[in-house]
N, C-alpha and C. Protein backbone atom coordinates (compact mmCIF):
# COMPACT_ATOMS: atom_id res chain seq x y z
N MET A 1 162.40 166.84 20.87
CA MET A 1 163.29 168.02 20.53
C MET A 1 164.21 167.81 19.32
N ASN A 2 164.64 166.62 19.23
CA ASN A 2 165.41 166.34 18.04
C ASN A 2 164.47 165.46 17.13
N GLY A 3 164.94 165.60 16.01
CA GLY A 3 164.17 164.65 14.92
C GLY A 3 164.03 165.26 13.49
N VAL A 4 164.14 164.50 12.50
CA VAL A 4 164.06 164.98 11.22
C VAL A 4 163.52 163.69 10.39
N ALA A 5 163.48 163.79 8.98
CA ALA A 5 162.78 162.81 8.22
C ALA A 5 163.53 161.45 8.54
N ASN A 6 162.80 160.42 8.29
CA ASN A 6 163.40 159.14 8.43
C ASN A 6 163.76 158.74 9.86
N ASN A 7 163.21 159.58 10.77
CA ASN A 7 163.34 159.38 12.35
C ASN A 7 164.84 159.65 12.74
N HIS A 8 165.70 160.24 11.94
CA HIS A 8 167.03 160.56 12.37
C HIS A 8 166.92 161.87 13.26
N THR A 9 167.82 162.04 14.08
CA THR A 9 167.84 163.25 14.92
C THR A 9 168.33 164.37 14.11
N PHE A 10 167.64 165.65 14.29
CA PHE A 10 168.15 166.86 13.85
C PHE A 10 168.93 167.47 14.94
N ARG A 11 170.24 167.87 14.45
CA ARG A 11 171.18 168.32 15.35
C ARG A 11 171.34 169.89 15.37
N LEU A 12 171.42 170.44 16.62
CA LEU A 12 171.60 171.97 16.53
C LEU A 12 173.24 172.19 17.09
N LEU A 13 173.98 172.66 16.24
CA LEU A 13 175.33 172.73 16.55
C LEU A 13 175.69 174.38 16.78
N LEU A 14 176.71 174.56 17.68
CA LEU A 14 177.18 175.94 17.82
C LEU A 14 178.57 176.11 17.40
N VAL A 15 178.84 177.22 16.71
CA VAL A 15 180.21 177.47 16.51
C VAL A 15 180.58 178.67 17.13
N SER A 16 181.87 178.58 17.84
CA SER A 16 182.47 179.68 18.56
C SER A 16 182.72 180.95 17.76
N PRO A 17 182.73 182.21 18.37
CA PRO A 17 183.21 183.34 17.63
C PRO A 17 184.73 183.09 17.38
N PRO A 18 185.13 183.56 16.23
CA PRO A 18 186.59 183.45 15.80
C PRO A 18 187.63 184.07 16.90
N ALA A 19 187.21 185.13 17.56
CA ALA A 19 187.96 185.78 18.53
C ALA A 19 187.17 185.75 19.72
N THR A 20 187.83 185.34 20.83
CA THR A 20 187.05 185.06 22.06
C THR A 20 186.62 186.44 22.58
N ILE A 21 185.26 186.48 23.01
CA ILE A 21 184.61 187.61 23.61
C ILE A 21 184.64 187.50 25.19
N ALA A 22 184.40 188.55 25.86
CA ALA A 22 184.56 188.63 27.25
C ALA A 22 183.80 187.60 28.19
N THR A 23 182.52 187.53 27.57
CA THR A 23 181.61 186.57 28.36
C THR A 23 181.50 185.12 27.68
N GLU A 24 182.33 184.86 26.80
CA GLU A 24 182.19 183.60 26.13
C GLU A 24 182.23 182.34 26.87
N LEU A 25 183.18 182.21 27.81
CA LEU A 25 183.41 180.88 28.54
C LEU A 25 182.24 180.71 29.62
N PRO A 26 181.87 181.76 30.42
CA PRO A 26 180.77 181.59 31.25
C PRO A 26 179.40 181.38 30.49
N THR A 27 179.25 181.96 29.33
CA THR A 27 178.14 181.74 28.52
C THR A 27 178.05 180.36 27.91
N LEU A 28 179.27 179.83 27.49
CA LEU A 28 179.29 178.42 26.94
C LEU A 28 178.99 177.50 28.15
N GLN A 29 179.24 177.65 29.26
CA GLN A 29 178.96 176.73 30.31
C GLN A 29 177.48 176.68 30.41
N ARG A 30 176.76 177.88 30.36
CA ARG A 30 175.34 177.96 30.62
C ARG A 30 174.67 177.36 29.32
N LEU A 31 175.21 177.46 28.17
CA LEU A 31 174.77 176.76 27.04
C LEU A 31 174.79 175.26 27.12
N PHE A 32 175.91 174.82 27.71
CA PHE A 32 175.92 173.28 27.79
C PHE A 32 174.81 172.91 28.88
N GLU A 33 174.66 173.64 29.98
CA GLU A 33 173.71 173.20 30.91
C GLU A 33 172.29 173.37 30.32
N ALA A 34 172.19 174.16 29.32
CA ALA A 34 170.77 174.39 28.61
C ALA A 34 170.43 173.29 27.58
N GLY A 35 171.47 172.50 27.40
CA GLY A 35 171.36 171.34 26.41
C GLY A 35 172.17 171.23 25.17
N LEU A 36 173.03 172.21 25.10
CA LEU A 36 173.94 172.23 23.85
C LEU A 36 174.74 170.92 23.85
N GLN A 37 174.80 170.20 22.64
CA GLN A 37 175.24 168.85 22.59
C GLN A 37 176.57 168.85 21.56
N SER A 38 176.78 170.03 20.82
CA SER A 38 177.97 169.92 19.91
C SER A 38 178.42 171.43 19.77
N PHE A 39 179.68 171.71 20.27
CA PHE A 39 180.24 172.95 20.10
C PHE A 39 181.41 172.87 19.38
N HIS A 40 181.54 173.65 18.24
CA HIS A 40 182.65 173.67 17.45
C HIS A 40 183.58 174.82 17.81
N LEU A 41 184.77 174.50 18.25
CA LEU A 41 185.83 175.46 18.78
C LEU A 41 186.63 175.88 17.67
N ARG A 42 186.36 177.04 17.02
CA ARG A 42 187.05 177.62 15.92
C ARG A 42 187.78 178.85 16.28
N LYS A 43 189.06 178.89 16.40
CA LYS A 43 189.84 179.98 16.79
C LYS A 43 190.94 180.23 15.89
N PRO A 44 190.70 180.67 14.54
CA PRO A 44 191.76 180.72 13.61
C PRO A 44 192.97 181.35 13.68
N GLY A 45 192.94 182.40 14.57
CA GLY A 45 193.98 183.24 14.90
C GLY A 45 194.74 182.81 16.15
N ALA A 46 194.25 181.79 16.86
CA ALA A 46 194.81 181.46 18.24
C ALA A 46 196.07 180.37 18.12
N SER A 47 196.84 180.54 19.21
CA SER A 47 197.95 179.41 19.27
C SER A 47 197.51 178.14 19.84
N VAL A 48 198.35 177.28 19.91
CA VAL A 48 197.96 175.93 20.63
C VAL A 48 197.74 176.21 22.05
N SER A 49 198.65 176.94 22.70
CA SER A 49 198.61 177.25 24.00
C SER A 49 197.20 178.06 24.40
N GLU A 50 196.94 178.90 23.63
CA GLU A 50 195.69 179.68 23.77
C GLU A 50 194.32 178.85 23.71
N VAL A 51 194.35 177.80 22.72
CA VAL A 51 193.18 176.91 22.62
C VAL A 51 193.27 176.00 23.77
N GLU A 52 194.54 175.61 24.34
CA GLU A 52 194.61 174.69 25.39
C GLU A 52 194.03 175.34 26.74
N ALA A 53 194.36 176.68 26.82
CA ALA A 53 193.92 177.43 28.00
C ALA A 53 192.25 177.42 28.01
N TYR A 54 191.83 177.58 26.77
CA TYR A 54 190.33 177.59 26.62
C TYR A 54 189.82 176.34 26.93
N LEU A 55 190.37 175.16 26.53
CA LEU A 55 189.81 173.84 27.14
C LEU A 55 189.98 173.60 28.59
N ARG A 56 190.98 174.05 29.18
CA ARG A 56 191.11 173.98 30.56
C ARG A 56 190.24 174.71 31.39
N ALA A 57 189.56 175.77 30.75
CA ALA A 57 188.73 176.70 31.51
C ALA A 57 187.22 176.11 31.27
N VAL A 58 187.09 175.03 30.52
CA VAL A 58 185.65 174.40 30.35
C VAL A 58 185.80 173.13 31.12
N PRO A 59 184.60 173.03 32.05
CA PRO A 59 184.65 171.76 32.80
C PRO A 59 184.81 170.31 31.91
N ARG A 60 185.73 169.52 32.52
CA ARG A 60 186.05 168.42 31.79
C ARG A 60 184.89 167.50 31.10
N GLN A 61 183.74 167.58 31.86
CA GLN A 61 182.74 166.91 31.32
C GLN A 61 182.10 167.22 30.04
N TYR A 62 182.33 168.44 29.73
CA TYR A 62 181.87 168.93 28.37
C TYR A 62 182.87 168.85 27.27
N HIS A 63 184.01 168.44 27.62
CA HIS A 63 184.91 168.31 26.30
C HIS A 63 184.52 167.33 25.33
N ARG A 64 183.73 166.34 25.64
CA ARG A 64 183.39 165.43 24.67
C ARG A 64 182.26 166.01 23.78
N LEU A 65 181.84 167.11 24.12
CA LEU A 65 180.85 167.78 23.24
C LEU A 65 181.48 168.85 22.39
N MET A 66 182.84 168.96 22.49
CA MET A 66 183.50 169.97 21.77
C MET A 66 184.23 169.31 20.54
N VAL A 67 184.35 170.07 19.48
CA VAL A 67 185.01 169.72 18.11
C VAL A 67 186.09 170.69 17.81
N LEU A 68 187.25 170.31 17.60
CA LEU A 68 188.39 171.31 17.24
C LEU A 68 188.31 171.53 15.86
N HIS A 69 188.64 172.89 15.46
CA HIS A 69 188.65 173.24 14.09
C HIS A 69 190.31 173.46 13.77
N GLY A 70 191.09 173.28 14.68
CA GLY A 70 192.42 173.55 14.50
C GLY A 70 193.25 173.01 15.69
N GLN A 71 194.54 173.31 15.76
CA GLN A 71 195.34 172.71 16.90
C GLN A 71 194.93 171.27 17.28
N TYR A 72 195.11 170.54 16.30
CA TYR A 72 194.47 169.12 16.42
C TYR A 72 195.42 168.25 17.33
N GLU A 73 196.52 168.65 17.61
CA GLU A 73 197.42 167.88 18.44
C GLU A 73 196.78 167.80 19.92
N LEU A 74 196.00 168.90 20.23
CA LEU A 74 195.34 168.88 21.63
C LEU A 74 194.45 167.71 21.77
N ALA A 75 193.90 167.10 20.63
CA ALA A 75 192.91 165.93 20.70
C ALA A 75 193.85 164.68 21.36
N GLN A 76 195.03 164.79 21.42
CA GLN A 76 195.88 163.62 21.96
C GLN A 76 195.84 163.64 23.54
N HIS A 77 195.42 164.89 24.13
CA HIS A 77 195.61 165.05 25.42
C HIS A 77 194.19 165.47 26.03
N TYR A 78 193.18 165.86 25.38
CA TYR A 78 191.85 166.23 25.88
C TYR A 78 190.82 165.33 25.16
N GLN A 79 189.89 164.79 25.91
CA GLN A 79 188.86 163.86 25.39
C GLN A 79 187.85 164.82 24.70
N VAL A 80 188.15 165.38 23.63
CA VAL A 80 187.18 166.12 22.81
C VAL A 80 186.43 165.07 21.85
N GLY A 81 185.26 165.61 21.38
CA GLY A 81 184.21 164.72 20.65
C GLY A 81 184.67 164.55 19.15
N GLY A 82 185.39 165.69 18.58
CA GLY A 82 185.73 165.24 17.19
C GLY A 82 186.78 166.38 16.72
N LEU A 83 187.08 166.23 15.50
CA LEU A 83 187.92 167.24 14.70
C LEU A 83 187.29 167.53 13.37
N HIS A 84 187.37 168.91 13.12
CA HIS A 84 186.69 169.47 11.90
C HIS A 84 187.83 170.14 10.94
N LEU A 85 187.69 169.81 9.71
CA LEU A 85 188.78 170.07 8.71
C LEU A 85 188.17 171.33 7.94
N PRO A 86 188.76 172.58 7.96
CA PRO A 86 188.39 173.46 7.19
C PRO A 86 188.77 173.02 5.69
N ALA A 87 188.38 173.54 4.54
CA ALA A 87 188.65 173.16 3.23
C ALA A 87 190.29 173.20 3.02
N ALA A 88 190.94 174.19 3.67
CA ALA A 88 192.34 174.25 3.45
C ALA A 88 193.19 173.07 4.05
N ALA A 89 192.57 172.50 5.05
CA ALA A 89 193.14 171.36 5.78
C ALA A 89 193.06 170.03 5.19
N ARG A 90 192.06 169.96 4.25
CA ARG A 90 191.66 168.53 3.77
C ARG A 90 192.81 167.99 3.01
N ALA A 91 193.60 168.67 2.27
CA ALA A 91 194.59 168.23 1.39
C ALA A 91 195.81 167.70 2.22
N THR A 92 196.07 168.27 3.39
CA THR A 92 197.16 167.72 4.16
C THR A 92 196.68 166.84 5.26
N TRP A 93 195.53 166.49 5.38
CA TRP A 93 195.06 165.75 6.60
C TRP A 93 195.47 164.25 6.59
N VAL A 94 195.92 163.55 5.39
CA VAL A 94 196.35 162.24 5.40
C VAL A 94 197.57 162.04 6.25
N ALA A 95 198.43 162.92 6.23
CA ALA A 95 199.69 163.06 7.05
C ALA A 95 199.46 163.18 8.41
N ARG A 96 198.27 163.67 8.86
CA ARG A 96 198.07 163.96 10.28
C ARG A 96 196.96 163.13 10.81
N ALA A 97 196.49 162.13 10.12
CA ALA A 97 195.30 161.39 10.46
C ALA A 97 195.52 160.70 11.75
N HIS A 98 196.75 160.43 12.08
CA HIS A 98 197.02 159.71 13.39
C HIS A 98 196.47 160.52 14.64
N LEU A 99 196.17 161.87 14.39
CA LEU A 99 195.69 162.65 15.54
C LEU A 99 194.32 162.46 15.84
N GLN A 100 193.56 161.66 14.91
CA GLN A 100 192.17 161.43 15.16
C GLN A 100 192.13 160.13 16.05
N GLN A 101 191.45 160.28 17.16
CA GLN A 101 191.52 159.21 18.13
C GLN A 101 190.22 158.33 17.99
N PRO A 102 190.28 157.14 18.60
CA PRO A 102 189.00 156.26 18.47
C PRO A 102 187.97 157.04 19.02
N GLY A 103 186.76 156.96 18.38
CA GLY A 103 185.63 157.72 18.91
C GLY A 103 185.37 159.11 18.40
N HIS A 104 186.44 159.68 17.90
CA HIS A 104 186.24 161.08 17.40
C HIS A 104 185.48 161.12 16.15
N SER A 105 184.51 162.13 16.04
CA SER A 105 183.81 162.40 14.77
C SER A 105 184.85 163.18 13.87
N LEU A 106 184.72 163.05 12.55
CA LEU A 106 185.45 163.74 11.58
C LEU A 106 184.56 164.53 10.71
N SER A 107 184.69 165.86 10.65
CA SER A 107 183.70 166.67 9.77
C SER A 107 184.51 167.61 9.14
N THR A 108 183.90 168.30 7.94
CA THR A 108 184.63 169.19 7.18
C THR A 108 183.61 170.31 6.73
N SER A 109 184.18 171.35 6.18
CA SER A 109 183.27 172.41 5.48
C SER A 109 183.25 172.39 4.03
N LEU A 110 181.99 172.42 3.37
CA LEU A 110 181.94 172.35 2.00
C LEU A 110 180.98 173.59 1.47
N HIS A 111 181.30 174.12 0.37
CA HIS A 111 180.87 175.22 -0.26
C HIS A 111 180.11 175.24 -1.51
N SER A 112 179.97 174.04 -2.04
CA SER A 112 179.23 173.82 -3.26
C SER A 112 178.54 172.34 -3.31
N LEU A 113 177.55 172.19 -4.17
CA LEU A 113 176.99 171.00 -4.21
C LEU A 113 177.91 169.93 -5.00
N THR A 114 178.87 170.53 -5.75
CA THR A 114 179.90 169.58 -6.31
C THR A 114 180.87 169.07 -5.23
N GLU A 115 181.22 169.86 -4.30
CA GLU A 115 182.03 169.44 -3.19
C GLU A 115 181.18 168.45 -2.39
N LEU A 116 180.09 168.70 -2.25
CA LEU A 116 179.16 167.86 -1.49
C LEU A 116 179.20 166.42 -2.08
N ARG A 117 178.97 166.41 -3.32
CA ARG A 117 178.92 165.08 -3.93
C ARG A 117 180.37 164.40 -3.89
N GLN A 118 181.30 165.05 -4.02
CA GLN A 118 182.75 164.63 -4.00
C GLN A 118 183.25 163.94 -2.62
N HIS A 119 182.96 164.74 -1.51
CA HIS A 119 183.55 164.69 -0.34
C HIS A 119 182.86 163.96 0.89
N ARG A 120 181.43 164.06 0.84
CA ARG A 120 180.74 163.91 2.08
C ARG A 120 180.99 162.54 2.61
N ARG A 121 181.10 161.53 1.65
CA ARG A 121 181.23 160.14 2.31
C ARG A 121 182.44 159.93 3.14
N ARG A 122 183.42 160.83 3.19
CA ARG A 122 184.59 160.53 3.94
C ARG A 122 184.39 160.97 5.34
N TYR A 123 183.26 161.67 5.77
CA TYR A 123 183.19 162.32 7.02
C TYR A 123 181.85 161.76 7.74
N ASN A 124 181.97 162.07 9.08
CA ASN A 124 180.73 161.73 9.73
C ASN A 124 179.56 162.71 9.46
N TYR A 125 179.93 163.99 9.20
CA TYR A 125 178.94 165.02 8.93
C TYR A 125 179.71 166.12 8.26
N VAL A 126 179.04 166.93 7.34
CA VAL A 126 179.64 168.04 6.77
C VAL A 126 178.81 169.28 6.98
N PHE A 127 179.46 170.39 6.89
CA PHE A 127 178.77 171.75 6.84
C PHE A 127 178.66 172.14 5.42
N LEU A 128 177.62 172.52 5.11
CA LEU A 128 177.38 173.21 3.72
C LEU A 128 176.88 174.67 4.03
N SER A 129 177.74 175.47 3.41
CA SER A 129 177.47 176.97 3.71
C SER A 129 177.95 177.79 2.44
N PRO A 130 177.41 179.15 2.36
CA PRO A 130 176.33 179.70 3.32
C PRO A 130 174.94 179.47 2.68
N ILE A 131 174.04 178.91 3.56
CA ILE A 131 172.63 178.69 3.06
C ILE A 131 171.95 179.81 3.11
N PHE A 132 171.92 180.92 4.00
CA PHE A 132 171.42 182.06 3.95
C PHE A 132 172.55 183.16 4.09
N ASP A 133 172.19 184.49 4.01
CA ASP A 133 173.12 185.48 4.10
C ASP A 133 173.72 185.37 5.53
N SER A 134 175.03 185.49 5.63
CA SER A 134 175.76 185.21 6.91
C SER A 134 175.35 186.45 7.85
N ILE A 135 175.27 186.13 9.04
CA ILE A 135 175.04 187.09 10.23
C ILE A 135 176.27 187.70 10.68
N SER A 136 177.25 186.70 10.80
CA SER A 136 178.55 187.03 11.56
C SER A 136 179.48 187.72 10.57
N LYS A 137 179.38 187.28 9.20
CA LYS A 137 180.26 187.89 8.22
C LYS A 137 179.48 188.71 7.29
N GLN A 138 179.62 190.07 7.52
CA GLN A 138 178.88 191.09 6.77
C GLN A 138 179.31 191.00 5.24
N GLY A 139 178.19 190.89 4.31
CA GLY A 139 178.46 190.85 2.87
C GLY A 139 178.73 189.60 2.43
N TYR A 140 178.77 188.51 3.24
CA TYR A 140 178.93 186.97 2.78
C TYR A 140 177.47 186.47 2.47
N GLY A 141 177.12 186.56 1.24
CA GLY A 141 175.87 186.20 0.92
C GLY A 141 175.49 184.68 0.61
N HIS A 142 174.26 184.36 0.63
CA HIS A 142 174.12 182.87 0.42
C HIS A 142 174.47 182.42 -0.84
N ALA A 143 174.82 181.17 -1.02
CA ALA A 143 175.42 180.50 -2.18
C ALA A 143 174.47 179.55 -2.89
N PHE A 144 173.36 179.22 -2.30
CA PHE A 144 172.40 178.46 -2.92
C PHE A 144 171.09 178.81 -2.79
N ALA A 145 170.13 178.20 -3.69
CA ALA A 145 168.80 178.29 -3.61
C ALA A 145 168.47 177.06 -2.72
N LEU A 146 167.52 177.26 -1.64
CA LEU A 146 167.18 176.28 -0.82
C LEU A 146 166.58 175.10 -1.49
N THR A 147 165.88 175.48 -2.51
CA THR A 147 165.12 174.47 -3.29
C THR A 147 166.06 173.39 -3.94
N GLU A 148 167.18 173.96 -4.49
CA GLU A 148 168.34 173.16 -5.10
C GLU A 148 168.92 172.29 -4.29
N VAL A 149 169.16 172.87 -3.12
CA VAL A 149 169.87 171.96 -2.06
C VAL A 149 168.94 170.85 -1.60
N GLN A 150 167.64 171.16 -1.41
CA GLN A 150 166.52 170.19 -1.09
C GLN A 150 166.59 169.12 -2.03
N GLN A 151 166.54 169.50 -3.28
CA GLN A 151 166.60 168.38 -4.31
C GLN A 151 167.71 167.50 -4.36
N GLN A 152 168.99 168.11 -4.09
CA GLN A 152 170.06 167.29 -3.89
C GLN A 152 169.98 166.28 -2.74
N LEU A 153 169.61 166.67 -1.61
CA LEU A 153 169.44 165.99 -0.39
C LEU A 153 168.39 164.88 -0.78
N GLN A 154 167.39 165.12 -1.49
CA GLN A 154 166.27 164.11 -1.56
C GLN A 154 166.91 163.05 -2.48
N ARG A 155 167.77 163.35 -3.43
CA ARG A 155 168.31 162.35 -4.37
C ARG A 155 169.42 161.44 -3.42
N LEU A 156 170.12 162.11 -2.55
CA LEU A 156 170.94 161.35 -1.66
C LEU A 156 170.14 160.41 -0.73
N GLN A 157 169.04 160.91 -0.27
CA GLN A 157 168.21 160.01 0.72
C GLN A 157 167.56 158.82 0.00
N GLN A 158 167.58 158.84 -1.28
CA GLN A 158 166.98 157.68 -1.89
C GLN A 158 167.86 156.61 -2.08
N ARG A 159 169.23 156.69 -1.77
CA ARG A 159 170.31 155.74 -1.77
C ARG A 159 170.30 154.79 -0.67
N GLN A 160 170.49 153.55 -0.89
CA GLN A 160 170.50 152.67 0.26
C GLN A 160 171.58 152.93 1.23
N GLN A 161 171.27 152.75 2.43
CA GLN A 161 172.25 152.96 3.60
C GLN A 161 172.71 154.50 3.83
N TYR A 162 171.88 155.27 3.13
CA TYR A 162 172.24 156.74 3.32
C TYR A 162 171.92 157.23 4.79
N VAL A 163 172.95 157.77 5.39
CA VAL A 163 172.79 158.41 6.75
C VAL A 163 172.80 160.01 6.60
N PRO A 164 171.85 160.67 7.04
CA PRO A 164 171.76 162.10 7.06
C PRO A 164 173.03 162.73 7.67
N GLN A 165 173.76 163.53 6.98
CA GLN A 165 174.90 164.01 7.60
C GLN A 165 175.19 165.50 7.02
N VAL A 166 174.46 166.14 6.31
CA VAL A 166 174.67 167.46 5.91
C VAL A 166 173.99 168.38 6.81
N VAL A 167 174.89 169.22 7.39
CA VAL A 167 174.43 170.35 8.30
C VAL A 167 174.47 171.73 7.73
N ALA A 168 173.40 172.47 7.76
CA ALA A 168 173.33 173.87 7.15
C ALA A 168 174.06 174.76 8.04
N LEU A 169 174.80 175.72 7.44
CA LEU A 169 175.58 176.80 8.12
C LEU A 169 175.34 177.95 7.43
N GLY A 170 175.17 179.03 8.11
CA GLY A 170 175.10 180.53 7.38
C GLY A 170 173.74 181.15 7.47
N GLY A 171 173.68 182.14 8.29
CA GLY A 171 172.57 183.01 8.36
C GLY A 171 171.33 182.36 8.99
N ILE A 172 171.47 181.21 9.81
CA ILE A 172 170.31 180.56 10.38
C ILE A 172 169.77 181.19 11.70
N THR A 173 168.48 181.49 11.57
CA THR A 173 167.75 182.20 12.77
C THR A 173 166.51 181.38 13.17
N PRO A 174 165.87 181.88 14.23
CA PRO A 174 164.51 181.31 14.50
C PRO A 174 163.52 181.39 13.35
N ASP A 175 163.74 182.40 12.50
CA ASP A 175 162.78 182.63 11.43
C ASP A 175 162.97 181.76 10.32
N ASN A 176 164.07 181.10 10.20
CA ASN A 176 164.22 180.08 9.11
C ASN A 176 164.78 178.68 9.33
N ILE A 177 165.04 178.33 10.61
CA ILE A 177 165.52 177.03 10.99
C ILE A 177 164.45 175.96 10.67
N ALA A 178 163.31 176.23 10.67
CA ALA A 178 162.28 175.16 10.39
C ALA A 178 162.30 174.94 8.73
N GLN A 179 162.64 175.94 8.04
CA GLN A 179 162.85 175.67 6.54
C GLN A 179 164.13 174.69 6.29
N VAL A 180 165.10 174.88 7.09
CA VAL A 180 166.23 174.16 6.99
C VAL A 180 165.96 172.64 7.31
N ARG A 181 165.29 172.36 8.38
CA ARG A 181 164.87 171.05 8.72
C ARG A 181 163.95 170.53 7.71
N ALA A 182 163.00 171.28 7.22
CA ALA A 182 162.09 170.82 6.12
C ALA A 182 162.73 170.48 4.91
N ALA A 183 163.87 170.98 4.59
CA ALA A 183 164.66 170.79 3.39
C ALA A 183 165.46 169.54 3.31
N GLY A 184 165.45 168.86 4.62
CA GLY A 184 166.00 167.61 4.62
C GLY A 184 167.56 167.72 5.26
N PHE A 185 167.94 168.83 5.78
CA PHE A 185 169.21 168.82 6.39
C PHE A 185 169.20 167.75 7.74
N ALA A 186 170.49 167.48 8.13
CA ALA A 186 170.64 166.55 9.19
C ALA A 186 170.68 167.55 10.47
N GLY A 187 170.97 168.76 10.23
CA GLY A 187 171.13 169.69 11.24
C GLY A 187 171.39 171.21 10.88
N ALA A 188 171.63 171.85 11.93
CA ALA A 188 171.95 173.34 11.61
C ALA A 188 173.03 173.78 12.56
N ALA A 189 174.10 174.47 11.99
CA ALA A 189 175.19 175.10 12.88
C ALA A 189 174.87 176.59 12.87
N VAL A 190 175.06 177.18 13.98
CA VAL A 190 174.76 178.55 14.16
C VAL A 190 175.94 179.29 14.84
N LEU A 191 176.15 180.53 14.58
CA LEU A 191 177.09 181.25 15.22
C LEU A 191 176.48 182.67 15.65
N GLY A 192 176.30 183.65 14.67
CA GLY A 192 175.93 184.93 14.77
C GLY A 192 174.57 185.06 15.54
N SER A 193 173.58 184.18 15.17
CA SER A 193 172.31 184.34 15.77
C SER A 193 172.32 184.11 17.25
N VAL A 194 173.38 183.30 17.77
CA VAL A 194 173.50 183.08 19.26
C VAL A 194 174.34 184.16 19.81
N TRP A 195 175.59 184.25 19.34
CA TRP A 195 176.74 185.07 19.96
C TRP A 195 176.35 186.51 19.88
N GLN A 196 175.66 187.13 18.87
CA GLN A 196 175.31 188.37 18.71
C GLN A 196 174.10 188.86 19.44
N ALA A 197 173.41 187.87 20.12
CA ALA A 197 172.09 188.09 20.82
C ALA A 197 172.36 188.78 22.18
N ALA A 198 171.47 189.53 22.70
CA ALA A 198 171.71 190.10 23.93
C ALA A 198 171.82 188.98 25.03
N ASP A 199 170.98 187.88 24.80
CA ASP A 199 171.14 186.83 25.67
C ASP A 199 171.34 185.45 24.97
N PRO A 200 172.59 184.99 24.71
CA PRO A 200 172.83 183.90 23.76
C PRO A 200 172.09 182.65 24.23
N VAL A 201 172.12 182.38 25.53
CA VAL A 201 171.29 181.17 25.94
C VAL A 201 169.71 181.24 25.51
N ALA A 202 169.20 182.41 25.76
CA ALA A 202 167.74 182.51 25.26
C ALA A 202 167.72 182.44 23.75
N ALA A 203 168.65 182.79 23.01
CA ALA A 203 168.76 182.81 21.70
C ALA A 203 168.75 181.28 21.20
N PHE A 204 169.61 180.61 21.84
CA PHE A 204 169.74 179.06 21.53
C PHE A 204 168.46 178.46 21.71
N GLN A 205 167.84 178.69 22.91
CA GLN A 205 166.49 178.05 23.30
C GLN A 205 165.45 178.24 22.26
N GLN A 206 165.48 179.69 21.76
CA GLN A 206 164.43 179.93 20.92
C GLN A 206 164.63 179.26 19.41
N LEU A 207 165.81 178.98 19.10
CA LEU A 207 166.05 178.06 17.93
C LEU A 207 165.41 176.66 18.14
N TRP A 208 165.66 176.15 19.33
CA TRP A 208 165.12 174.88 19.49
C TRP A 208 163.49 174.88 19.57
N ARG A 209 162.96 175.92 20.03
CA ARG A 209 161.47 175.97 20.07
C ARG A 209 160.87 176.16 18.56
N GLU A 210 161.68 176.54 17.70
CA GLU A 210 161.18 176.80 16.37
C GLU A 210 161.18 175.48 15.54
N LEU A 211 161.84 174.48 16.04
CA LEU A 211 161.95 173.17 15.44
C LEU A 211 160.77 172.25 15.46
């Protein structure tokens, strides 16, 4: 099920809707049970107490599969899998780095190939977006030609000790996820193609079947 060039695993990550939807928590548990291995909890308008309530509603055994996009202080009290820094948080992270616990992954969001070249080595993995026209953000068009990104990834792969770490985000569907893998990405992060589906679990499973 997992696998990409050089025998490294291809990861399928899921990002939460920015505002919690009515069926989100029970659906999330079903997604974990269906094999979801990485869930990015991104609630930009939520308070610390609201995100903590969300974590408490998720069975503890799944916390290690969750990555916080904010409210990082909760990582000191819950055994989450990692922390994700939006672009705006990178500049202030040095002062808060003590919040990263041993074993946490650290990731960030990048939006250009220049940023990719400048910042990727500081993180376990990075999101590069938008690769295709966004599903969840109407009018947010793709920023890259896929062939251009593929050429950049090929150059990186030629370096010694290179570890695939660039995850595609933006407009990824069952119709194009195989292209993402073929381009050399280490994984794909999805949001709208799962959460806007009539059956999010079936949509997630369909993405895997296309790999």
